[in-house]
């Protein structure tokens, strides 16, 4: 996991120290699994199984977040407003 520590400046000018486990990196690209070549039947089977897998992971993640009282701690930060950034892998 990638841990980012930085000082964040909000649009109102206030600053705060932050420590964040990065889940999504800033990007100008759309990334995903290309399913163009799949038949409709394969696509239907894949999406069903992939959806079940993602739902199970989501349920487990939400359970873990609740255990550590982090359920409402998801945040988005604008990279240009981050200063003194350090990165560690934990």
PDB file of N, CA and C in Angstrom:
ATOM      1  N   UNK A   1       0.836  -1.178   0.000  1.00  0.00           N
ATOM      2  CA  UNK A   1       0.000   0.000   0.000  1.00  0.00           C
ATOM      3  C   UNK A   1       0.877   1.236   0.000  1.00  0.00           C
ATOM      4  N   UNK A   2       0.358   2.269  -0.601  1.00  0.00           N
ATOM      5  CA  UNK A   2       1.099   3.518  -0.718  1.00  0.00           C
ATOM      6  C   UNK A   2       0.526   4.532   0.272  1.00  0.00           C
ATOM      7  N   UNK A   3       1.365   4.991   1.192  1.00  0.00           N
ATOM      8  CA  UNK A   3       0.977   5.983   2.195  1.00  0.00           C
ATOM      9  C   UNK A   3       1.552   7.331   1.791  1.00  0.00           C
ATOM     10  N   UNK A   4       0.691   8.334   1.659  1.00  0.00           N
ATOM     11  CA  UNK A   4       1.113   9.694   1.331  1.00  0.00           C
ATOM     12  C   UNK A   4       0.928  10.573   2.557  1.00  0.00           C
ATOM     13  N   UNK A   5       1.938  11.362   2.867  1.00  0.00           N
ATOM     14  CA  UNK A   5       1.838  12.336   3.939  1.00  0.00           C
ATOM     15  C   UNK A   5       2.139  13.697   3.333  1.00  0.00           C
ATOM     16  N   UNK A   6       1.315  14.701   3.661  1.00  0.00           N
ATOM     17  CA  UNK A   6       1.467  16.005   3.046  1.00  0.00           C
ATOM     18  C   UNK A   6       0.720  17.065   3.836  1.00  0.00           C
ATOM     19  N   UNK A   7       1.000  18.311   3.503  1.00  0.00           N
ATOM     20  CA  UNK A   7       0.240  19.443   4.018  1.00  0.00           C
ATOM     21  C   UNK A   7      -0.730  19.831   2.911  1.00  0.00           C
ATOM     22  N   UNK A   8      -2.012  19.923   3.247  1.00  0.00           N
ATOM     23  CA  UNK A   8      -3.029  20.246   2.248  1.00  0.00           C
ATOM     24  C   UNK A   8      -3.588  21.630   2.493  1.00  0.00           C
ATOM     25  N   UNK A   9      -3.640  22.431   1.431  1.00  0.00           N
ATOM     26  CA  UNK A   9      -4.209  23.774   1.505  1.00  0.00           C
ATOM     27  C   UNK A   9      -5.590  23.749   0.863  1.00  0.00           C
ATOM     28  N   UNK A  10      -6.616  24.015   1.657  1.00  0.00           N
ATOM     29  CA  UNK A  10      -7.991  24.049   1.148  1.00  0.00           C
ATOM     30  C   UNK A  10      -8.226  25.335   0.381  1.00  0.00           C
ATOM     31  N   UNK A  11      -9.341  25.386  -0.359  1.00  0.00           N
ATOM     32  CA  UNK A  11      -9.647  26.571  -1.163  1.00  0.00           C
ATOM     33  C   UNK A  11      -9.836  27.821  -0.317  1.00  0.00           C
ATOM     34  N   UNK A  12     -10.169  27.647   0.975  1.00  0.00           N
ATOM     35  CA  UNK A  12     -10.319  28.815   1.856  1.00  0.00           C
ATOM     36  C   UNK A  12      -8.987  29.274   2.447  1.00  0.00           C
ATOM     37  N   UNK A  13      -7.882  28.594   2.076  1.00  0.00           N
ATOM     38  CA  UNK A  13      -6.553  28.962   2.545  1.00  0.00           C
ATOM     39  C   UNK A  13      -6.098  28.240   3.797  1.00  0.00           C
ATOM     40  N   UNK A  14      -7.006  27.525   4.469  1.00  0.00           N
ATOM     41  CA  UNK A  14      -6.605  26.798   5.675  1.00  0.00           C
ATOM     42  C   UNK A  14      -5.764  25.585   5.287  1.00  0.00           C
ATOM     43  N   UNK A  15      -4.845  25.212   6.175  1.00  0.00           N
ATOM     44  CA  UNK A  15      -3.924  24.105   5.916  1.00  0.00           C
ATOM     45  C   UNK A  15      -4.109  23.023   6.968  1.00  0.00           C
ATOM     46  N   UNK A  16      -3.860  21.771   6.547  1.00  0.00           N
ATOM     47  CA  UNK A  16      -3.932  20.661   7.488  1.00  0.00           C
ATOM     48  C   UNK A  16      -2.919  19.596   7.099  1.00  0.00           C
ATOM     49  N   UNK A  17      -2.343  18.928   8.101  1.00  0.00           N
ATOM     50  CA  UNK A  17      -1.444  17.792   7.870  1.00  0.00           C
ATOM     51  C   UNK A  17      -2.311  16.579   7.570  1.00  0.00           C
ATOM     52  N   UNK A  18      -1.934  15.801   6.561  1.00  0.00           N
ATOM     53  CA  UNK A  18      -2.713  14.638   6.156  1.00  0.00           C
ATOM     54  C   UNK A  18      -1.823  13.414   5.991  1.00  0.00           C
ATOM     55  N   UNK A  19      -2.378  12.257   6.307  1.00  0.00           N
ATOM     56  CA  UNK A  19      -1.764  10.960   6.026  1.00  0.00           C
ATOM     57  C   UNK A  19      -2.847  10.130   5.357  1.00  0.00           C
ATOM     58  N   UNK A  20      -2.596   9.680   4.118  1.00  0.00           N
ATOM     59  CA  UNK A  20      -3.616   9.039   3.301  1.00  0.00           C
ATOM     60  C   UNK A  20      -3.072   7.767   2.675  1.00  0.00           C
ATOM     61  N   UNK A  21      -3.818   6.680   2.765  1.00  0.00           N
ATOM     62  CA  UNK A  21      -3.504   5.475   1.994  1.00  0.00           C
ATOM     63  C   UNK A  21      -4.142   5.682   0.622  1.00  0.00           C
ATOM     64  N   UNK A  22      -3.316   5.780  -0.391  1.00  0.00           N
ATOM     65  CA  UNK A  22      -3.792   6.103  -1.742  1.00  0.00           C
ATOM     66  C   UNK A  22      -4.590   4.952  -2.330  1.00  0.00           C
ATOM     67  N   UNK A  23      -5.793   5.253  -2.804  1.00  0.00           N
ATOM     68  CA  UNK A  23      -6.627   4.262  -3.475  1.00  0.00           C
ATOM     69  C   UNK A  23      -6.715   4.524  -4.970  1.00  0.00           C
ATOM     70  N   UNK A  24      -6.721   5.806  -5.359  1.00  0.00           N
ATOM     71  CA  UNK A  24      -6.838   6.195  -6.764  1.00  0.00           C
ATOM     72  C   UNK A  24      -5.794   7.261  -7.050  1.00  0.00           C
ATOM     73  N   UNK A  25      -5.070   7.087  -8.141  1.00  0.00           N
ATOM     74  CA  UNK A  25      -4.055   8.067  -8.522  1.00  0.00           C
ATOM     75  C   UNK A  25      -4.656   9.046  -9.526  1.00  0.00           C
ATOM     76  N   UNK A  26      -4.234  10.312  -9.468  1.00  0.00           N
ATOM     77  CA  UNK A  26      -4.700  11.265 -10.475  1.00  0.00           C
ATOM     78  C   UNK A  26      -4.298  10.783 -11.874  1.00  0.00           C
ATOM     79  N   UNK A  27      -5.209  10.923 -12.820  1.00  0.00           N
ATOM     80  CA  UNK A  27      -4.916  10.443 -14.160  1.00  0.00           C
ATOM     81  C   UNK A  27      -5.773  11.179 -15.182  1.00  0.00           C
ATOM     82  N   UNK A  28      -5.250  11.320 -16.380  1.00  0.00           N
ATOM     83  CA  UNK A  28      -6.037  11.888 -17.472  1.00  0.00           C
ATOM     84  C   UNK A  28      -6.595  10.785 -18.372  1.00  0.00           C
ATOM     85  N   UNK A  29      -6.383   9.537 -18.005  1.00  0.00           N
ATOM     86  CA  UNK A  29      -6.802   8.407 -18.819  1.00  0.00           C
ATOM     87  C   UNK A  29      -8.004   7.685 -18.207  1.00  0.00           C
ATOM     88  N   UNK A  30      -8.789   7.060 -19.062  1.00  0.00           N
ATOM     89  CA  UNK A  30      -9.812   6.118 -18.625  1.00  0.00           C
ATOM     90  C   UNK A  30      -9.161   4.751 -18.681  1.00  0.00           C
ATOM     91  N   UNK A  31      -9.184   4.030 -17.559  1.00  0.00           N
ATOM     92  CA  UNK A  31      -8.552   2.719 -17.498  1.00  0.00           C
ATOM     93  C   UNK A  31      -9.605   1.659 -17.219  1.00  0.00           C
ATOM     94  N   UNK A  32      -9.444   0.506 -17.821  1.00  0.00           N
ATOM     95  CA  UNK A  32     -10.403  -0.563 -17.584  1.00  0.00           C
ATOM     96  C   UNK A  32     -10.046  -1.814 -18.346  1.00  0.00           C
ATOM     97  N   UNK A  33     -10.915  -2.775 -18.252  1.00  0.00           N
ATOM     98  CA  UNK A  33     -10.742  -4.059 -18.921  1.00  0.00           C
ATOM     99  C   UNK A  33     -11.467  -3.994 -20.260  1.00  0.00           C
ATOM    100  N   UNK A  34     -10.736  -4.218 -21.336  1.00  0.00           N
ATOM    101  CA  UNK A  34     -11.311  -4.144 -22.680  1.00  0.00           C
ATOM    102  C   UNK A  34     -12.040  -5.450 -22.990  1.00  0.00           C
ATOM    103  N   UNK A  35     -13.354  -5.380 -23.112  1.00  0.00           N
ATOM    104  CA  UNK A  35     -14.176  -6.566 -23.362  1.00  0.00           C
ATOM    105  C   UNK A  35     -14.742  -6.568 -24.783  1.00  0.00           C
ATOM    106  N   UNK A  36     -14.139  -5.783 -25.666  1.00  0.00           N
ATOM    107  CA  UNK A  36     -14.635  -5.623 -27.022  1.00  0.00           C
ATOM    108  C   UNK A  36     -14.805  -6.949 -27.749  1.00  0.00           C
ATOM    109  N   UNK A  37     -13.866  -7.864 -27.589  1.00  0.00           N
ATOM    110  CA  UNK A  37     -13.859  -9.099 -28.366  1.00  0.00           C
ATOM    111  C   UNK A  37     -14.706 -10.222 -27.771  1.00  0.00           C
ATOM    112  N   UNK A  38     -15.358  -9.984 -26.638  1.00  0.00           N
ATOM    113  CA  UNK A  38     -16.139 -11.049 -25.997  1.00  0.00           C
ATOM    114  C   UNK A  38     -17.494 -11.207 -26.675  1.00  0.00           C
ATOM    115  N   UNK A  39     -17.964 -12.455 -26.723  1.00  0.00           N
ATOM    116  CA  UNK A  39     -19.325 -12.692 -27.201  1.00  0.00           C
ATOM    117  C   UNK A  39     -20.305 -12.191 -26.138  1.00  0.00           C
ATOM    118  N   UNK A  40     -21.558 -12.021 -26.526  1.00  0.00           N
ATOM    119  CA  UNK A  40     -22.556 -11.550 -25.561  1.00  0.00           C
ATOM    120  C   UNK A  40     -22.699 -12.525 -24.391  1.00  0.00           C
ATOM    121  N   UNK A  41     -22.653 -13.809 -24.670  1.00  0.00           N
ATOM    122  CA  UNK A  41     -22.791 -14.814 -23.613  1.00  0.00           C
ATOM    123  C   UNK A  41     -21.618 -14.760 -22.651  1.00  0.00           C
ATOM    124  N   UNK A  42     -20.404 -14.668 -23.199  1.00  0.00           N
ATOM    125  CA  UNK A  42     -19.215 -14.560 -22.343  1.00  0.00           C
ATOM    126  C   UNK A  42     -19.257 -13.269 -21.522  1.00  0.00           C
ATOM    127  N   UNK A  43     -19.660 -12.187 -22.182  1.00  0.00           N
ATOM    128  CA  UNK A  43     -19.747 -10.901 -21.506  1.00  0.00           C
ATOM    129  C   UNK A  43     -20.737 -10.969 -20.345  1.00  0.00           C
ATOM    130  N   UNK A  44     -21.884 -11.570 -20.580  1.00  0.00           N
ATOM    131  CA  UNK A  44     -22.901 -11.698 -19.535  1.00  0.00           C
ATOM    132  C   UNK A  44     -22.377 -12.513 -18.358  1.00  0.00           C
ATOM    133  N   UNK A  45     -21.697 -13.621 -18.650  1.00  0.00           N
ATOM    134  CA  UNK A  45     -21.146 -14.461 -17.576  1.00  0.00           C
ATOM    135  C   UNK A  45     -20.047 -13.708 -16.818  1.00  0.00           C
ATOM    136  N   UNK A  46     -19.162 -13.054 -17.574  1.00  0.00           N
ATOM    137  CA  UNK A  46     -18.067 -12.314 -16.949  1.00  0.00           C
ATOM    138  C   UNK A  46     -18.602 -11.205 -16.046  1.00  0.00           C
ATOM    139  N   UNK A  47     -19.535 -10.404 -16.559  1.00  0.00           N
ATOM    140  CA  UNK A  47     -20.038  -9.288 -15.762  1.00  0.00           C
ATOM    141  C   UNK A  47     -20.753  -9.763 -14.510  1.00  0.00           C
ATOM    142  N   UNK A  48     -21.440 -10.882 -14.598  1.00  0.00           N
ATOM    143  CA  UNK A  48     -22.102 -11.435 -13.412  1.00  0.00           C
ATOM    144  C   UNK A  48     -21.063 -11.816 -12.352  1.00  0.00           C
ATOM    145  N   UNK A  49     -20.053 -12.572 -12.759  1.00  0.00           N
ATOM    146  CA  UNK A  49     -19.024 -13.025 -11.819  1.00  0.00           C
ATOM    147  C   UNK A  49     -18.172 -11.854 -11.315  1.00  0.00           C
ATOM    148  N   UNK A  50     -17.834 -10.927 -12.202  1.00  0.00           N
ATOM    149  CA  UNK A  50     -17.029  -9.776 -11.809  1.00  0.00           C
ATOM    150  C   UNK A  50     -17.803  -8.899 -10.820  1.00  0.00           C
ATOM    151  N   UNK A  51     -19.087  -8.719 -11.074  1.00  0.00           N
ATOM    152  CA  UNK A  51     -19.935  -7.953 -10.168  1.00  0.00           C
ATOM    153  C   UNK A  51     -20.017  -8.580  -8.788  1.00  0.00           C
ATOM    154  N   UNK A  52     -20.161  -9.892  -8.743  1.00  0.00           N
ATOM    155  CA  UNK A  52     -20.202 -10.604  -7.459  1.00  0.00           C
ATOM    156  C   UNK A  52     -18.883 -10.439  -6.702  1.00  0.00           C
ATOM    157  N   UNK A  53     -17.775 -10.550  -7.427  1.00  0.00           N
ATOM    158  CA  UNK A  53     -16.457 -10.397  -6.824  1.00  0.00           C
ATOM    159  C   UNK A  53     -16.278  -8.992  -6.246  1.00  0.00           C
ATOM    160  N   UNK A  54     -16.651  -7.975  -7.038  1.00  0.00           N
ATOM    161  CA  UNK A  54     -16.525  -6.597  -6.570  1.00  0.00           C
ATOM    162  C   UNK A  54     -17.441  -6.329  -5.380  1.00  0.00           C
ATOM    163  N   UNK A  55     -18.646  -6.892  -5.379  1.00  0.00           N
ATOM    164  CA  UNK A  55     -19.563  -6.696  -4.264  1.00  0.00           C
ATOM    165  C   UNK A  55     -19.024  -7.340  -2.993  1.00  0.00           C
ATOM    166  N   UNK A  56     -18.452  -8.535  -3.116  1.00  0.00           N
ATOM    167  CA  UNK A  56     -17.868  -9.212  -1.952  1.00  0.00           C
ATOM    168  C   UNK A  56     -16.696  -8.403  -1.398  1.00  0.00           C
ATOM    169  N   UNK A  57     -15.846  -7.878  -2.285  1.00  0.00           N
ATOM    170  CA  UNK A  57     -14.724  -7.057  -1.834  1.00  0.00           C
ATOM    171  C   UNK A  57     -15.232  -5.786  -1.162  1.00  0.00           C
ATOM    172  N   UNK A  58     -16.238  -5.165  -1.733  1.00  0.00           N
ATOM    173  CA  UNK A  58     -16.811  -3.948  -1.149  1.00  0.00           C
ATOM    174  C   UNK A  58     -17.357  -4.238   0.249  1.00  0.00           C
ATOM    175  N   UNK A  59     -18.093  -5.331   0.380  1.00  0.00           N
ATOM    176  CA  UNK A  59     -18.651  -5.684   1.688  1.00  0.00           C
ATOM    177  C   UNK A  59     -17.555  -5.908   2.723  1.00  0.00           C
ATOM    178  N   UNK A  60     -16.495  -6.590   2.334  1.00  0.00           N
ATOM    179  CA  UNK A  60     -15.381  -6.838   3.257  1.00  0.00           C
ATOM    180  C   UNK A  60     -14.664  -5.537   3.609  1.00  0.00           C
ATOM    181  N   UNK A  61     -14.491  -4.658   2.616  1.00  0.00           N
ATOM    182  CA  UNK A  61     -13.837  -3.371   2.867  1.00  0.00           C
ATOM    183  C   UNK A  61     -14.665  -2.530   3.831  1.00  0.00           C
ATOM    184  N   UNK A  62     -15.974  -2.458   3.605  1.00  0.00           N
ATOM    185  CA  UNK A  62     -16.835  -1.664   4.486  1.00  0.00           C
ATOM    186  C   UNK A  62     -16.822  -2.228   5.910  1.00  0.00           C
ATOM    187  N   UNK A  63     -16.802  -3.539   6.042  1.00  0.00           N
ATOM    188  CA  UNK A  63     -16.737  -4.155   7.366  1.00  0.00           C
ATOM    189  C   UNK A  63     -15.436  -3.745   8.077  1.00  0.00           C
ATOM    190  N   UNK A  64     -14.312  -3.806   7.348  1.00  0.00           N
ATOM    191  CA  UNK A  64     -13.026  -3.432   7.937  1.00  0.00           C
ATOM    192  C   UNK A  64     -13.016  -1.952   8.327  1.00  0.00           C
ATOM    193  N   UNK A  65     -13.539  -1.085   7.459  1.00  0.00           N
ATOM    194  CA  UNK A  65     -13.592   0.337   7.777  1.00  0.00           C
ATOM    195  C   UNK A  65     -14.433   0.597   9.023  1.00  0.00           C
ATOM    196  N   UNK A  66     -15.534  -0.123   9.171  1.00  0.00           N
ATOM    197  CA  UNK A  66     -16.364   0.025  10.365  1.00  0.00           C
ATOM    198  C   UNK A  66     -15.620  -0.418  11.616  1.00  0.00           C
ATOM    199  N   UNK A  67     -14.845  -1.492  11.505  1.00  0.00           N
ATOM    200  CA  UNK A  67     -14.097  -2.002  12.654  1.00  0.00           C
ATOM    201  C   UNK A  67     -13.097  -0.979  13.179  1.00  0.00           C
ATOM    202  N   UNK A  68     -12.560  -0.165  12.290  1.00  0.00           N
ATOM    203  CA  UNK A  68     -11.563   0.832  12.670  1.00  0.00           C
ATOM    204  C   UNK A  68     -12.136   2.256  12.670  1.00  0.00           C
ATOM    205  N   UNK A  69     -13.456   2.381  12.652  1.00  0.00           N
ATOM    206  CA  UNK A  69     -14.141   3.672  12.684  1.00  0.00           C
ATOM    207  C   UNK A  69     -13.644   4.603  11.574  1.00  0.00           C
ATOM    208  N   UNK A  70     -13.495   4.062  10.356  1.00  0.00           N
ATOM    209  CA  UNK A  70     -13.029   4.845   9.208  1.00  0.00           C
ATOM    210  C   UNK A  70     -14.079   4.920   8.096  1.00  0.00           C
ATOM    211  N   UNK A  71     -15.298   4.511   8.384  1.00  0.00           N
ATOM    212  CA  UNK A  71     -16.339   4.416   7.358  1.00  0.00           C
ATOM    213  C   UNK A  71     -16.592   5.748   6.651  1.00  0.00           C
ATOM    214  N   UNK A  72     -16.422   6.860   7.334  1.00  0.00           N
ATOM    215  CA  UNK A  72     -16.706   8.167   6.742  1.00  0.00           C
ATOM    216  C   UNK A  72     -15.432   8.983   6.504  1.00  0.00           C
ATOM    217  N   UNK A  73     -14.304   8.308   6.277  1.00  0.00           N
ATOM    218  CA  UNK A  73     -13.030   9.004   6.128  1.00  0.00           C
ATOM    219  C   UNK A  73     -12.483   9.010   4.704  1.00  0.00           C
ATOM    220  N   UNK A  74     -13.293   8.681   3.716  1.00  0.00           N
ATOM    221  CA  UNK A  74     -12.828   8.743   2.332  1.00  0.00           C
ATOM    222  C   UNK A  74     -12.733  10.212   1.933  1.00  0.00           C
ATOM    223  N   UNK A  75     -11.611  10.621   1.361  1.00  0.00           N
ATOM    224  CA  UNK A  75     -11.376  12.012   0.986  1.00  0.00           C
ATOM    225  C   UNK A  75     -10.777  12.088  -0.418  1.00  0.00           C
ATOM    226  N   UNK A  76     -10.968  13.232  -1.063  1.00  0.00           N
ATOM    227  CA  UNK A  76     -10.330  13.535  -2.353  1.00  0.00           C
ATOM    228  C   UNK A  76      -9.499  14.788  -2.180  1.00  0.00           C
ATOM    229  N   UNK A  77      -8.280  14.762  -2.717  1.00  0.00           N
ATOM    230  CA  UNK A  77      -7.371  15.892  -2.599  1.00  0.00           C
ATOM    231  C   UNK A  77      -6.916  16.329  -3.986  1.00  0.00           C
ATOM    232  N   UNK A  78      -6.813  17.621  -4.184  1.00  0.00           N
ATOM    233  CA  UNK A  78      -6.333  18.180  -5.446  1.00  0.00           C
ATOM    234  C   UNK A  78      -4.807  18.218  -5.377  1.00  0.00           C
ATOM    235  N   UNK A  79      -4.111  17.488  -6.257  1.00  0.00           N
ATOM    236  CA  UNK A  79      -2.651  17.399  -6.173  1.00  0.00           C
ATOM    237  C   UNK A  79      -1.940  18.750  -6.118  1.00  0.00           C
ATOM    238  N   UNK A  80      -2.445  19.739  -6.836  1.00  0.00           N
ATOM    239  CA  UNK A  80      -1.801  21.054  -6.853  1.00  0.00           C
ATOM    240  C   UNK A  80      -1.852  21.741  -5.486  1.00  0.00           C
ATOM    241  N   UNK A  81      -2.712  21.288  -4.609  1.00  0.00           N
ATOM    242  CA  UNK A  81      -2.858  21.900  -3.293  1.00  0.00           C
ATOM    243  C   UNK A  81      -2.130  21.095  -2.203  1.00  0.00           C
ATOM    244  N   UNK A  82      -1.308  20.143  -2.632  1.00  0.00           N
ATOM    245  CA  UNK A  82      -0.528  19.319  -1.680  1.00  0.00           C
ATOM    246  C   UNK A  82       0.899  19.831  -1.649  1.00  0.00           C
ATOM    247  N   UNK A  83       1.443  19.991  -0.437  1.00  0.00           N
ATOM    248  CA  UNK A  83       2.817  20.473  -0.281  1.00  0.00           C
ATOM    249  C   UNK A  83       3.575  19.521   0.638  1.00  0.00           C
ATOM    250  N   UNK A  84       4.904  19.508   0.482  1.00  0.00           N
ATOM    251  CA  UNK A  84       5.799  18.693   1.302  1.00  0.00           C
ATOM    252  C   UNK A  84       5.293  17.233   1.327  1.00  0.00           C
ATOM    253  N   UNK A  85       5.190  16.665   0.145  1.00  0.00           N
ATOM    254  CA  UNK A  85       4.664  15.304  -0.029  1.00  0.00           C
ATOM    255  C   UNK A  85       5.754  14.268   0.219  1.00  0.00           C
ATOM    256  N   UNK A  86       5.463  13.285   1.049  1.00  0.00           N
ATOM    257  CA  UNK A  86       6.367  12.139   1.197  1.00  0.00           C
ATOM    258  C   UNK A  86       5.557  10.874   0.940  1.00  0.00           C
ATOM    259  N   UNK A  87       6.216   9.872   0.383  1.00  0.00           N
ATOM    260  CA  UNK A  87       5.577   8.612   0.039  1.00  0.00           C
ATOM    261  C   UNK A  87       6.307   7.466   0.703  1.00  0.00           C
ATOM    262  N   UNK A  88       5.541   6.589   1.349  1.00  0.00           N
ATOM    263  CA  UNK A  88       6.077   5.366   1.934  1.00  0.00           C
ATOM    264  C   UNK A  88       5.224   4.200   1.486  1.00  0.00           C
ATOM    265  N   UNK A  89       5.809   3.044   1.384  1.00  0.00           N
ATOM    266  CA  UNK A  89       5.054   1.831   1.078  1.00  0.00           C
ATOM    267  C   UNK A  89       4.939   1.027   2.361  1.00  0.00           C
ATOM    268  N   UNK A  90       3.719   0.765   2.758  1.00  0.00           N
ATOM    269  CA  UNK A  90       3.461   0.074   4.031  1.00  0.00           C
ATOM    270  C   UNK A  90       2.774  -1.246   3.786  1.00  0.00           C
TER     271      UNK A  90
END
